[in-house]
């Protein structure tokens, strides 16, 4: 069993034991990702990056990833495939010779 399968299995088991699938529609999972991302951002608010609580960062990131995996599962997306596809799309939008060492958006290169 690979890492993604192990994560999916644990998440699905946790969700199903609590009968929460009824609440895990694409809209609410998307909202949960956004809310958890905001909670992650809040950990950095008014602080230097190194002042943020590492354990809380781990917890919020785990929440974001968990809801992301559940959303991917809802649509039967292959996580590895969609991430690698997106990297390829970004490679076309951000060629190394134009984007290396700068943070400009692709339409400003």
PDB file of N, CA and C in Angstrom:
ATOM      1  N   UNK A   1       0.862  -1.182   0.000  1.00  0.00           N
ATOM      2  CA  UNK A   1       0.000   0.000   0.000  1.00  0.00           C
ATOM      3  C   UNK A   1       0.903   1.238   0.000  1.00  0.00           C
ATOM      4  N   UNK A   2       0.651   2.154  -0.932  1.00  0.00           N
ATOM      5  CA  UNK A   2       1.477   3.361  -0.972  1.00  0.00           C
ATOM      6  C   UNK A   2       0.959   4.412   0.018  1.00  0.00           C
ATOM      7  N   UNK A   3       1.699   5.488   0.141  1.00  0.00           N
ATOM      8  CA  UNK A   3       1.368   6.528   1.124  1.00  0.00           C
ATOM      9  C   UNK A   3      -0.021   7.118   0.891  1.00  0.00           C
ATOM     10  N   UNK A   4      -0.347   7.410  -0.378  1.00  0.00           N
ATOM     11  CA  UNK A   4      -1.653   7.997  -0.677  1.00  0.00           C
ATOM     12  C   UNK A   4      -2.788   7.040  -0.303  1.00  0.00           C
ATOM     13  N   UNK A   5      -2.624   5.778  -0.618  1.00  0.00           N
ATOM     14  CA  UNK A   5      -3.651   4.794  -0.268  1.00  0.00           C
ATOM     15  C   UNK A   5      -3.819   4.691   1.237  1.00  0.00           C
ATOM     16  N   UNK A   6      -2.722   4.723   1.958  1.00  0.00           N
ATOM     17  CA  UNK A   6      -2.783   4.653   3.418  1.00  0.00           C
ATOM     18  C   UNK A   6      -3.520   5.870   3.986  1.00  0.00           C
ATOM     19  N   UNK A   7      -3.232   7.052   3.442  1.00  0.00           N
ATOM     20  CA  UNK A   7      -3.912   8.277   3.883  1.00  0.00           C
ATOM     21  C   UNK A   7      -5.404   8.194   3.560  1.00  0.00           C
ATOM     22  N   UNK A   8      -5.722   7.826   2.309  1.00  0.00           N
ATOM     23  CA  UNK A   8      -7.132   7.711   1.920  1.00  0.00           C
ATOM     24  C   UNK A   8      -7.871   6.732   2.814  1.00  0.00           C
ATOM     25  N   UNK A   9      -7.291   5.573   3.019  1.00  0.00           N
ATOM     26  CA  UNK A   9      -7.945   4.555   3.845  1.00  0.00           C
ATOM     27  C   UNK A   9      -8.221   5.066   5.256  1.00  0.00           C
ATOM     28  N   UNK A  10      -7.241   5.714   5.855  1.00  0.00           N
ATOM     29  CA  UNK A  10      -7.414   6.232   7.217  1.00  0.00           C
ATOM     30  C   UNK A  10      -8.474   7.327   7.259  1.00  0.00           C
ATOM     31  N   UNK A  11      -8.450   8.223   6.275  1.00  0.00           N
ATOM     32  CA  UNK A  11      -9.442   9.302   6.239  1.00  0.00           C
ATOM     33  C   UNK A  11     -10.857   8.766   6.036  1.00  0.00           C
ATOM     34  N   UNK A  12     -10.997   7.851   5.089  1.00  0.00           N
ATOM     35  CA  UNK A  12     -12.322   7.286   4.796  1.00  0.00           C
ATOM     36  C   UNK A  12     -12.847   6.509   5.993  1.00  0.00           C
ATOM     37  N   UNK A  13     -11.998   5.728   6.631  1.00  0.00           N
ATOM     38  CA  UNK A  13     -12.407   4.973   7.823  1.00  0.00           C
ATOM     39  C   UNK A  13     -12.853   5.934   8.934  1.00  0.00           C
ATOM     40  N   UNK A  14     -12.049   6.967   9.195  1.00  0.00           N
ATOM     41  CA  UNK A  14     -12.384   7.966  10.211  1.00  0.00           C
ATOM     42  C   UNK A  14     -13.730   8.621   9.899  1.00  0.00           C
ATOM     43  N   UNK A  15     -13.889   9.045   8.630  1.00  0.00           N
ATOM     44  CA  UNK A  15     -15.140   9.690   8.212  1.00  0.00           C
ATOM     45  C   UNK A  15     -16.325   8.747   8.342  1.00  0.00           C
ATOM     46  N   UNK A  16     -16.185   7.541   7.869  1.00  0.00           N
ATOM     47  CA  UNK A  16     -17.303   6.601   7.856  1.00  0.00           C
ATOM     48  C   UNK A  16     -17.709   6.158   9.256  1.00  0.00           C
ATOM     49  N   UNK A  17     -16.744   6.007  10.162  1.00  0.00           N
ATOM     50  CA  UNK A  17     -17.069   5.629  11.540  1.00  0.00           C
ATOM     51  C   UNK A  17     -17.957   6.677  12.208  1.00  0.00           C
ATOM     52  N   UNK A  18     -17.864   7.904  11.731  1.00  0.00           N
ATOM     53  CA  UNK A  18     -18.642   9.003  12.325  1.00  0.00           C
ATOM     54  C   UNK A  18     -19.860   9.390  11.485  1.00  0.00           C
ATOM     55  N   UNK A  19     -20.068   8.690  10.378  1.00  0.00           N
ATOM     56  CA  UNK A  19     -21.178   8.978   9.464  1.00  0.00           C
ATOM     57  C   UNK A  19     -21.136  10.434   8.991  1.00  0.00           C
ATOM     58  N   UNK A  20     -19.962  10.892   8.595  1.00  0.00           N
ATOM     59  CA  UNK A  20     -19.789  12.279   8.158  1.00  0.00           C
ATOM     60  C   UNK A  20     -19.807  12.457   6.644  1.00  0.00           C
ATOM     61  N   UNK A  21     -19.858  11.353   5.898  1.00  0.00           N
ATOM     62  CA  UNK A  21     -19.846  11.506   4.441  1.00  0.00           C
ATOM     63  C   UNK A  21     -21.012  12.378   3.975  1.00  0.00           C
ATOM     64  N   UNK A  22     -22.109  12.325   4.689  1.00  0.00           N
ATOM     65  CA  UNK A  22     -23.278  13.134   4.325  1.00  0.00           C
ATOM     66  C   UNK A  22     -22.961  14.629   4.309  1.00  0.00           C
ATOM     67  N   UNK A  23     -21.933  15.046   5.026  1.00  0.00           N
ATOM     68  CA  UNK A  23     -21.559  16.459   5.086  1.00  0.00           C
ATOM     69  C   UNK A  23     -20.427  16.805   4.111  1.00  0.00           C
ATOM     70  N   UNK A  24     -19.837  15.777   3.507  1.00  0.00           N
ATOM     71  CA  UNK A  24     -18.639  15.976   2.695  1.00  0.00           C
ATOM     72  C   UNK A  24     -18.957  16.073   1.215  1.00  0.00           C
ATOM     73  N   UNK A  25     -19.782  17.043   0.864  1.00  0.00           N
ATOM     74  CA  UNK A  25     -20.042  17.324  -0.544  1.00  0.00           C
ATOM     75  C   UNK A  25     -18.937  18.249  -1.064  1.00  0.00           C
ATOM     76  N   UNK A  26     -18.769  18.346  -2.380  1.00  0.00           N
ATOM     77  CA  UNK A  26     -17.675  19.163  -2.924  1.00  0.00           C
ATOM     78  C   UNK A  26     -17.670  20.615  -2.440  1.00  0.00           C
ATOM     79  N   UNK A  27     -18.830  21.211  -2.326  1.00  0.00           N
ATOM     80  CA  UNK A  27     -18.885  22.613  -1.879  1.00  0.00           C
ATOM     81  C   UNK A  27     -18.366  22.748  -0.457  1.00  0.00           C
ATOM     82  N   UNK A  28     -18.846  21.907   0.439  1.00  0.00           N
ATOM     83  CA  UNK A  28     -18.439  22.030   1.838  1.00  0.00           C
ATOM     84  C   UNK A  28     -16.984  21.622   2.050  1.00  0.00           C
ATOM     85  N   UNK A  29     -16.509  20.643   1.298  1.00  0.00           N
ATOM     86  CA  UNK A  29     -15.090  20.293   1.389  1.00  0.00           C
ATOM     87  C   UNK A  29     -14.222  21.453   0.894  1.00  0.00           C
ATOM     88  N   UNK A  30     -14.656  22.110  -0.176  1.00  0.00           N
ATOM     89  CA  UNK A  30     -13.922  23.276  -0.686  1.00  0.00           C
ATOM     90  C   UNK A  30     -13.912  24.409   0.332  1.00  0.00           C
ATOM     91  N   UNK A  31     -15.056  24.644   0.954  1.00  0.00           N
ATOM     92  CA  UNK A  31     -15.130  25.672   1.999  1.00  0.00           C
ATOM     93  C   UNK A  31     -14.218  25.319   3.168  1.00  0.00           C
ATOM     94  N   UNK A  32     -14.201  24.054   3.549  1.00  0.00           N
ATOM     95  CA  UNK A  32     -13.357  23.616   4.662  1.00  0.00           C
ATOM     96  C   UNK A  32     -11.871  23.840   4.347  1.00  0.00           C
ATOM     97  N   UNK A  33     -11.473  23.564   3.104  1.00  0.00           N
ATOM     98  CA  UNK A  33     -10.078  23.800   2.703  1.00  0.00           C
ATOM     99  C   UNK A  33      -9.738  25.269   2.866  1.00  0.00           C
ATOM    100  N   UNK A  34     -10.618  26.129   2.405  1.00  0.00           N
ATOM    101  CA  UNK A  34     -10.386  27.573   2.492  1.00  0.00           C
ATOM    102  C   UNK A  34     -10.336  28.051   3.937  1.00  0.00           C
ATOM    103  N   UNK A  35     -11.237  27.564   4.742  1.00  0.00           N
ATOM    104  CA  UNK A  35     -11.276  27.959   6.159  1.00  0.00           C
ATOM    105  C   UNK A  35     -10.018  27.498   6.875  1.00  0.00           C
ATOM    106  N   UNK A  36      -9.614  26.260   6.638  1.00  0.00           N
ATOM    107  CA  UNK A  36      -8.400  25.747   7.271  1.00  0.00           C
ATOM    108  C   UNK A  36      -7.163  26.503   6.778  1.00  0.00           C
ATOM    109  N   UNK A  37      -7.149  26.887   5.504  1.00  0.00           N
ATOM    110  CA  UNK A  37      -6.036  27.684   4.981  1.00  0.00           C
ATOM    111  C   UNK A  37      -5.989  29.042   5.677  1.00  0.00           C
ATOM    112  N   UNK A  38      -7.142  29.609   5.946  1.00  0.00           N
ATOM    113  CA  UNK A  38      -7.189  30.876   6.684  1.00  0.00           C
ATOM    114  C   UNK A  38      -6.671  30.707   8.106  1.00  0.00           C
ATOM    115  N   UNK A  39      -6.993  29.584   8.724  1.00  0.00           N
ATOM    116  CA  UNK A  39      -6.481  29.315  10.070  1.00  0.00           C
ATOM    117  C   UNK A  39      -4.960  29.162  10.048  1.00  0.00           C
ATOM    118  N   UNK A  40      -4.427  28.580   8.983  1.00  0.00           N
ATOM    119  CA  UNK A  40      -2.975  28.492   8.827  1.00  0.00           C
ATOM    120  C   UNK A  40      -2.374  29.892   8.699  1.00  0.00           C
ATOM    121  N   UNK A  41      -2.976  30.721   7.882  1.00  0.00           N
ATOM    122  CA  UNK A  41      -2.492  32.095   7.721  1.00  0.00           C
ATOM    123  C   UNK A  41      -2.515  32.865   9.037  1.00  0.00           C
ATOM    124  N   UNK A  42      -3.538  32.627   9.818  1.00  0.00           N
ATOM    125  CA  UNK A  42      -3.669  33.328  11.093  1.00  0.00           C
ATOM    126  C   UNK A  42      -2.476  33.050  12.019  1.00  0.00           C
ATOM    127  N   UNK A  43      -1.882  31.885  11.884  1.00  0.00           N
ATOM    128  CA  UNK A  43      -0.732  31.543  12.729  1.00  0.00           C
ATOM    129  C   UNK A  43       0.473  32.445  12.458  1.00  0.00           C
ATOM    130  N   UNK A  44       0.510  33.050  11.282  1.00  0.00           N
ATOM    131  CA  UNK A  44       1.618  33.915  10.896  1.00  0.00           C
ATOM    132  C   UNK A  44       1.309  35.401  11.058  1.00  0.00           C
ATOM    133  N   UNK A  45       0.046  35.704  11.327  1.00  0.00           N
ATOM    134  CA  UNK A  45      -0.382  37.100  11.402  1.00  0.00           C
ATOM    135  C   UNK A  45       0.373  37.856  12.492  1.00  0.00           C
ATOM    136  N   UNK A  46       0.963  38.979  12.086  1.00  0.00           N
ATOM    137  CA  UNK A  46       1.678  39.896  12.979  1.00  0.00           C
ATOM    138  C   UNK A  46       2.935  39.283  13.594  1.00  0.00           C
ATOM    139  N   UNK A  47       3.465  38.243  12.956  1.00  0.00           N
ATOM    140  CA  UNK A  47       4.665  37.581  13.475  1.00  0.00           C
ATOM    141  C   UNK A  47       5.672  37.416  12.350  1.00  0.00           C
ATOM    142  N   UNK A  48       6.902  37.196  12.730  1.00  0.00           N
ATOM    143  CA  UNK A  48       7.901  36.731  11.774  1.00  0.00           C
ATOM    144  C   UNK A  48       7.629  35.248  11.557  1.00  0.00           C
ATOM    145  N   UNK A  49       7.978  34.751  10.392  1.00  0.00           N
ATOM    146  CA  UNK A  49       7.714  33.338  10.071  1.00  0.00           C
ATOM    147  C   UNK A  49       8.230  32.388  11.133  1.00  0.00           C
ATOM    148  N   UNK A  50       9.427  32.672  11.636  1.00  0.00           N
ATOM    149  CA  UNK A  50      10.032  31.767  12.614  1.00  0.00           C
ATOM    150  C   UNK A  50       9.343  31.815  13.983  1.00  0.00           C
ATOM    151  N   UNK A  51       8.467  32.767  14.192  1.00  0.00           N
ATOM    152  CA  UNK A  51       7.747  32.870  15.472  1.00  0.00           C
ATOM    153  C   UNK A  51       6.466  32.047  15.503  1.00  0.00           C
ATOM    154  N   UNK A  52       6.045  31.556  14.354  1.00  0.00           N
ATOM    155  CA  UNK A  52       4.810  30.772  14.290  1.00  0.00           C
ATOM    156  C   UNK A  52       5.012  29.424  14.981  1.00  0.00           C
ATOM    157  N   UNK A  53       3.969  28.932  15.616  1.00  0.00           N
ATOM    158  CA  UNK A  53       3.990  27.668  16.356  1.00  0.00           C
ATOM    159  C   UNK A  53       4.006  26.493  15.373  1.00  0.00           C
ATOM    160  N   UNK A  54       5.104  25.767  15.332  1.00  0.00           N
ATOM    161  CA  UNK A  54       5.298  24.665  14.383  1.00  0.00           C
ATOM    162  C   UNK A  54       4.231  23.581  14.534  1.00  0.00           C
ATOM    163  N   UNK A  55       3.867  23.235  15.765  1.00  0.00           N
ATOM    164  CA  UNK A  55       2.865  22.188  15.972  1.00  0.00           C
ATOM    165  C   UNK A  55       1.505  22.610  15.425  1.00  0.00           C
ATOM    166  N   UNK A  56       1.156  23.858  15.611  1.00  0.00           N
ATOM    167  CA  UNK A  56      -0.118  24.352  15.075  1.00  0.00           C
ATOM    168  C   UNK A  56      -0.077  24.407  13.552  1.00  0.00           C
ATOM    169  N   UNK A  57       1.083  24.754  13.001  1.00  0.00           N
ATOM    170  CA  UNK A  57       1.232  24.748  11.540  1.00  0.00           C
ATOM    171  C   UNK A  57       0.998  23.334  11.008  1.00  0.00           C
ATOM    172  N   UNK A  58       1.588  22.347  11.659  1.00  0.00           N
ATOM    173  CA  UNK A  58       1.394  20.951  11.250  1.00  0.00           C
ATOM    174  C   UNK A  58      -0.083  20.563  11.292  1.00  0.00           C
ATOM    175  N   UNK A  59      -0.764  20.954  12.366  1.00  0.00           N
ATOM    176  CA  UNK A  59      -2.181  20.611  12.503  1.00  0.00           C
ATOM    177  C   UNK A  59      -3.025  21.236  11.394  1.00  0.00           C
ATOM    178  N   UNK A  60      -2.802  22.515  11.134  1.00  0.00           N
ATOM    179  CA  UNK A  60      -3.601  23.193  10.104  1.00  0.00           C
ATOM    180  C   UNK A  60      -3.282  22.646   8.720  1.00  0.00           C
ATOM    181  N   UNK A  61      -2.013  22.382   8.452  1.00  0.00           N
ATOM    182  CA  UNK A  61      -1.639  21.809   7.163  1.00  0.00           C
ATOM    183  C   UNK A  61      -2.257  20.419   6.995  1.00  0.00           C
ATOM    184  N   UNK A  62      -2.270  19.642   8.066  1.00  0.00           N
ATOM    185  CA  UNK A  62      -2.905  18.324   8.015  1.00  0.00           C
ATOM    186  C   UNK A  62      -4.396  18.448   7.704  1.00  0.00           C
ATOM    187  N   UNK A  63      -5.059  19.436   8.295  1.00  0.00           N
ATOM    188  CA  UNK A  63      -6.485  19.650   7.999  1.00  0.00           C
ATOM    189  C   UNK A  63      -6.681  20.000   6.518  1.00  0.00           C
ATOM    190  N   UNK A  64      -5.848  20.891   6.001  1.00  0.00           N
ATOM    191  CA  UNK A  64      -5.953  21.295   4.596  1.00  0.00           C
ATOM    192  C   UNK A  64      -5.749  20.086   3.682  1.00  0.00           C
ATOM    193  N   UNK A  65      -4.702  19.323   3.964  1.00  0.00           N
ATOM    194  CA  UNK A  65      -4.419  18.153   3.143  1.00  0.00           C
ATOM    195  C   UNK A  65      -5.529  17.112   3.257  1.00  0.00           C
ATOM    196  N   UNK A  66      -6.033  16.905   4.461  1.00  0.00           N
ATOM    197  CA  UNK A  66      -7.100  15.914   4.655  1.00  0.00           C
ATOM    198  C   UNK A  66      -8.346  16.268   3.861  1.00  0.00           C
ATOM    199  N   UNK A  67      -8.782  17.499   3.956  1.00  0.00           N
ATOM    200  CA  UNK A  67      -9.963  17.914   3.185  1.00  0.00           C
ATOM    201  C   UNK A  67      -9.679  17.884   1.688  1.00  0.00           C
ATOM    202  N   UNK A  68      -8.437  18.183   1.306  1.00  0.00           N
ATOM    203  CA  UNK A  68      -8.063  18.115  -0.112  1.00  0.00           C
ATOM    204  C   UNK A  68      -8.124  16.677  -0.619  1.00  0.00           C
ATOM    205  N   UNK A  69      -7.619  15.731   0.174  1.00  0.00           N
ATOM    206  CA  UNK A  69      -7.698  14.322  -0.211  1.00  0.00           C
ATOM    207  C   UNK A  69      -9.154  13.862  -0.314  1.00  0.00           C
ATOM    208  N   UNK A  70      -9.982  14.290   0.625  1.00  0.00           N
ATOM    209  CA  UNK A  70     -11.393  13.904   0.582  1.00  0.00           C
ATOM    210  C   UNK A  70     -12.104  14.492  -0.630  1.00  0.00           C
ATOM    211  N   UNK A  71     -11.744  15.709  -1.002  1.00  0.00           N
ATOM    212  CA  UNK A  71     -12.332  16.317  -2.203  1.00  0.00           C
ATOM    213  C   UNK A  71     -11.864  15.564  -3.452  1.00  0.00           C
ATOM    214  N   UNK A  72     -10.592  15.237  -3.504  1.00  0.00           N
ATOM    215  CA  UNK A  72     -10.075  14.461  -4.638  1.00  0.00           C
ATOM    216  C   UNK A  72     -10.790  13.111  -4.726  1.00  0.00           C
ATOM    217  N   UNK A  73     -11.007  12.486  -3.577  1.00  0.00           N
ATOM    218  CA  UNK A  73     -11.712  11.211  -3.553  1.00  0.00           C
ATOM    219  C   UNK A  73     -13.141  11.361  -4.052  1.00  0.00           C
ATOM    220  N   UNK A  74     -13.786  12.447  -3.685  1.00  0.00           N
ATOM    221  CA  UNK A  74     -15.166  12.692  -4.111  1.00  0.00           C
ATOM    222  C   UNK A  74     -15.278  12.693  -5.639  1.00  0.00           C
ATOM    223  N   UNK A  75     -14.244  13.243  -6.309  1.00  0.00           N
ATOM    224  CA  UNK A  75     -14.235  13.308  -7.773  1.00  0.00           C
ATOM    225  C   UNK A  75     -13.456  12.154  -8.411  1.00  0.00           C
ATOM    226  N   UNK A  76     -12.962  11.232  -7.570  1.00  0.00           N
ATOM    227  CA  UNK A  76     -12.173  10.090  -8.041  1.00  0.00           C
ATOM    228  C   UNK A  76     -10.918  10.545  -8.793  1.00  0.00           C
ATOM    229  N   UNK A  77     -10.316  11.660  -8.343  1.00  0.00           N
ATOM    230  CA  UNK A  77      -9.072  12.152  -8.918  1.00  0.00           C
ATOM    231  C   UNK A  77      -7.906  11.320  -8.394  1.00  0.00           C
ATOM    232  N   UNK A  78      -6.940  11.121  -9.244  1.00  0.00           N
ATOM    233  CA  UNK A  78      -5.683  10.492  -8.861  1.00  0.00           C
ATOM    234  C   UNK A  78      -4.750  11.624  -8.441  1.00  0.00           C
ATOM    235  N   UNK A  79      -4.426  11.707  -7.156  1.00  0.00           N
ATOM    236  CA  UNK A  79      -3.625  12.816  -6.618  1.00  0.00           C
ATOM    237  C   UNK A  79      -2.293  12.945  -7.352  1.00  0.00           C
ATOM    238  N   UNK A  80      -1.593  11.850  -7.490  1.00  0.00           N
ATOM    239  CA  UNK A  80      -0.296  11.887  -8.164  1.00  0.00           C
ATOM    240  C   UNK A  80      -0.443  12.442  -9.574  1.00  0.00           C
ATOM    241  N   UNK A  81      -1.427  11.969 -10.285  1.00  0.00           N
ATOM    242  CA  UNK A  81      -1.644  12.388 -11.670  1.00  0.00           C
ATOM    243  C   UNK A  81      -1.985  13.874 -11.769  1.00  0.00           C
ATOM    244  N   UNK A  82      -2.893  14.360 -10.935  1.00  0.00           N
ATOM    245  CA  UNK A  82      -3.300  15.757 -11.074  1.00  0.00           C
ATOM    246  C   UNK A  82      -2.181  16.715 -10.656  1.00  0.00           C
ATOM    247  N   UNK A  83      -1.384  16.328  -9.672  1.00  0.00           N
ATOM    248  CA  UNK A  83      -0.269  17.187  -9.260  1.00  0.00           C
ATOM    249  C   UNK A  83       0.806  17.208 -10.344  1.00  0.00           C
ATOM    250  N   UNK A  84       1.140  16.043 -10.876  1.00  0.00           N
ATOM    251  CA  UNK A  84       2.151  16.004 -11.941  1.00  0.00           C
ATOM    252  C   UNK A  84       1.669  16.744 -13.190  1.00  0.00           C
ATOM    253  N   UNK A  85       0.382  16.625 -13.517  1.00  0.00           N
ATOM    254  CA  UNK A  85      -0.179  17.370 -14.653  1.00  0.00           C
ATOM    255  C   UNK A  85      -0.062  18.882 -14.419  1.00  0.00           C
ATOM    256  N   UNK A  86      -0.352  19.315 -13.202  1.00  0.00           N
ATOM    257  CA  UNK A  86      -0.275  20.744 -12.891  1.00  0.00           C
ATOM    258  C   UNK A  86       1.166  21.243 -12.946  1.00  0.00           C
ATOM    259  N   UNK A  87       2.113  20.438 -12.495  1.00  0.00           N
ATOM    260  CA  UNK A  87       3.522  20.816 -12.596  1.00  0.00           C
ATOM    261  C   UNK A  87       3.896  21.002 -14.067  1.00  0.00           C
ATOM    262  N   UNK A  88       3.430  20.094 -14.920  1.00  0.00           N
ATOM    263  CA  UNK A  88       3.713  20.205 -16.356  1.00  0.00           C
ATOM    264  C   UNK A  88       3.105  21.476 -16.945  1.00  0.00           C
ATOM    265  N   UNK A  89       1.870  21.788 -16.582  1.00  0.00           N
ATOM    266  CA  UNK A  89       1.237  23.027 -17.055  1.00  0.00           C
ATOM    267  C   UNK A  89       2.031  24.248 -16.586  1.00  0.00           C
ATOM    268  N   UNK A  90       2.452  24.221 -15.324  1.00  0.00           N
ATOM    269  CA  UNK A  90       3.235  25.345 -14.790  1.00  0.00           C
ATOM    270  C   UNK A  90       4.589  25.457 -15.468  1.00  0.00           C
ATOM    271  N   UNK A  91       5.179  24.333 -15.841  1.00  0.00           N
ATOM    272  CA  UNK A  91       6.461  24.357 -16.545  1.00  0.00           C
ATOM    273  C   UNK A  91       6.326  25.069 -17.885  1.00  0.00           C
ATOM    274  N   UNK A  92       5.186  24.910 -18.525  1.00  0.00           N
ATOM    275  CA  UNK A  92       4.946  25.602 -19.792  1.00  0.00           C
ATOM    276  C   UNK A  92       4.699  27.097 -19.571  1.00  0.00           C
ATOM    277  N   UNK A  93       3.986  27.435 -18.497  1.00  0.00           N
ATOM    278  CA  UNK A  93       3.700  28.839 -18.192  1.00  0.00           C
ATOM    279  C   UNK A  93       4.915  29.569 -17.643  1.00  0.00           C
ATOM    280  N   UNK A  94       5.794  28.837 -16.983  1.00  0.00           N
ATOM    281  CA  UNK A  94       6.963  29.428 -16.326  1.00  0.00           C
ATOM    282  C   UNK A  94       8.246  28.757 -16.821  1.00  0.00           C
ATOM    283  N   UNK A  95       8.641  29.030 -18.069  1.00  0.00           N
ATOM    284  CA  UNK A  95       9.885  28.411 -18.558  1.00  0.00           C
ATOM    285  C   UNK A  95      11.074  28.884 -17.732  1.00  0.00           C
ATOM    286  N   UNK A  96      12.010  27.987 -17.507  1.00  0.00           N
ATOM    287  CA  UNK A  96      13.158  28.277 -16.654  1.00  0.00           C
ATOM    288  C   UNK A  96      13.892  29.526 -17.122  1.00  0.00           C
ATOM    289  N   UNK A  97      14.100  29.663 -18.425  1.00  0.00           N
ATOM    290  CA  UNK A  97      14.892  30.786 -18.931  1.00  0.00           C
ATOM    291  C   UNK A  97      14.235  32.145 -18.663  1.00  0.00           C
ATOM    292  N   UNK A  98      12.924  32.173 -18.455  1.00  0.00           N
ATOM    293  CA  UNK A  98      12.233  33.434 -18.183  1.00  0.00           C
ATOM    294  C   UNK A  98      11.884  33.633 -16.712  1.00  0.00           C
ATOM    295  N   UNK A  99      11.730  32.542 -15.980  1.00  0.00           N
ATOM    296  CA  UNK A  99      11.196  32.663 -14.622  1.00  0.00           C
ATOM    297  C   UNK A  99      12.203  32.386 -13.511  1.00  0.00           C
ATOM    298  N   UNK A 100      13.356  31.879 -13.845  1.00  0.00           N
ATOM    299  CA  UNK A 100      14.321  31.510 -12.807  1.00  0.00           C
ATOM    300  C   UNK A 100      14.747  32.736 -12.004  1.00  0.00           C
ATOM    301  N   UNK A 101      14.571  32.642 -10.696  1.00  0.00           N
ATOM    302  CA  UNK A 101      15.038  33.690  -9.794  1.00  0.00           C
ATOM    303  C   UNK A 101      14.117  34.875  -9.634  1.00  0.00           C
ATOM    304  N   UNK A 102      12.922  34.845 -10.243  1.00  0.00           N
ATOM    305  CA  UNK A 102      11.996  35.955 -10.011  1.00  0.00           C
ATOM    306  C   UNK A 102      10.604  35.422  -9.702  1.00  0.00           C
ATOM    307  N   UNK A 103       9.787  36.282  -9.137  1.00  0.00           N
ATOM    308  CA  UNK A 103       8.458  35.873  -8.690  1.00  0.00           C
ATOM    309  C   UNK A 103       7.349  36.476  -9.552  1.00  0.00           C
ATOM    310  N   UNK A 104       7.686  36.887 -10.745  1.00  0.00           N
ATOM    311  CA  UNK A 104       6.666  37.470 -11.624  1.00  0.00           C
ATOM    312  C   UNK A 104       5.672  36.403 -12.061  1.00  0.00           C
ATOM    313  N   UNK A 105       4.441  36.845 -12.249  1.00  0.00           N
ATOM    314  CA  UNK A 105       3.417  35.956 -12.750  1.00  0.00           C
ATOM    315  C   UNK A 105       3.693  35.676 -14.227  1.00  0.00           C
ATOM    316  N   UNK A 106       3.212  34.527 -14.695  1.00  0.00           N
ATOM    317  CA  UNK A 106       3.514  34.094 -16.059  1.00  0.00           C
ATOM    318  C   UNK A 106       3.180  35.131 -17.123  1.00  0.00           C
ATOM    319  N   UNK A 107       2.146  35.913 -16.919  1.00  0.00           N
ATOM    320  CA  UNK A 107       1.767  36.902 -17.923  1.00  0.00           C
ATOM    321  C   UNK A 107       2.615  38.177 -17.854  1.00  0.00           C
ATOM    322  N   UNK A 108       3.540  38.216 -16.917  1.00  0.00           N
ATOM    323  CA  UNK A 108       4.447  39.359 -16.790  1.00  0.00           C
ATOM    324  C   UNK A 108       5.877  38.999 -17.189  1.00  0.00           C
ATOM    325  N   UNK A 109       6.116  37.758 -17.578  1.00  0.00           N
ATOM    326  CA  UNK A 109       7.464  37.322 -17.946  1.00  0.00           C
ATOM    327  C   UNK A 109       7.861  37.870 -19.306  1.00  0.00           C
TER     328      UNK A 109
END
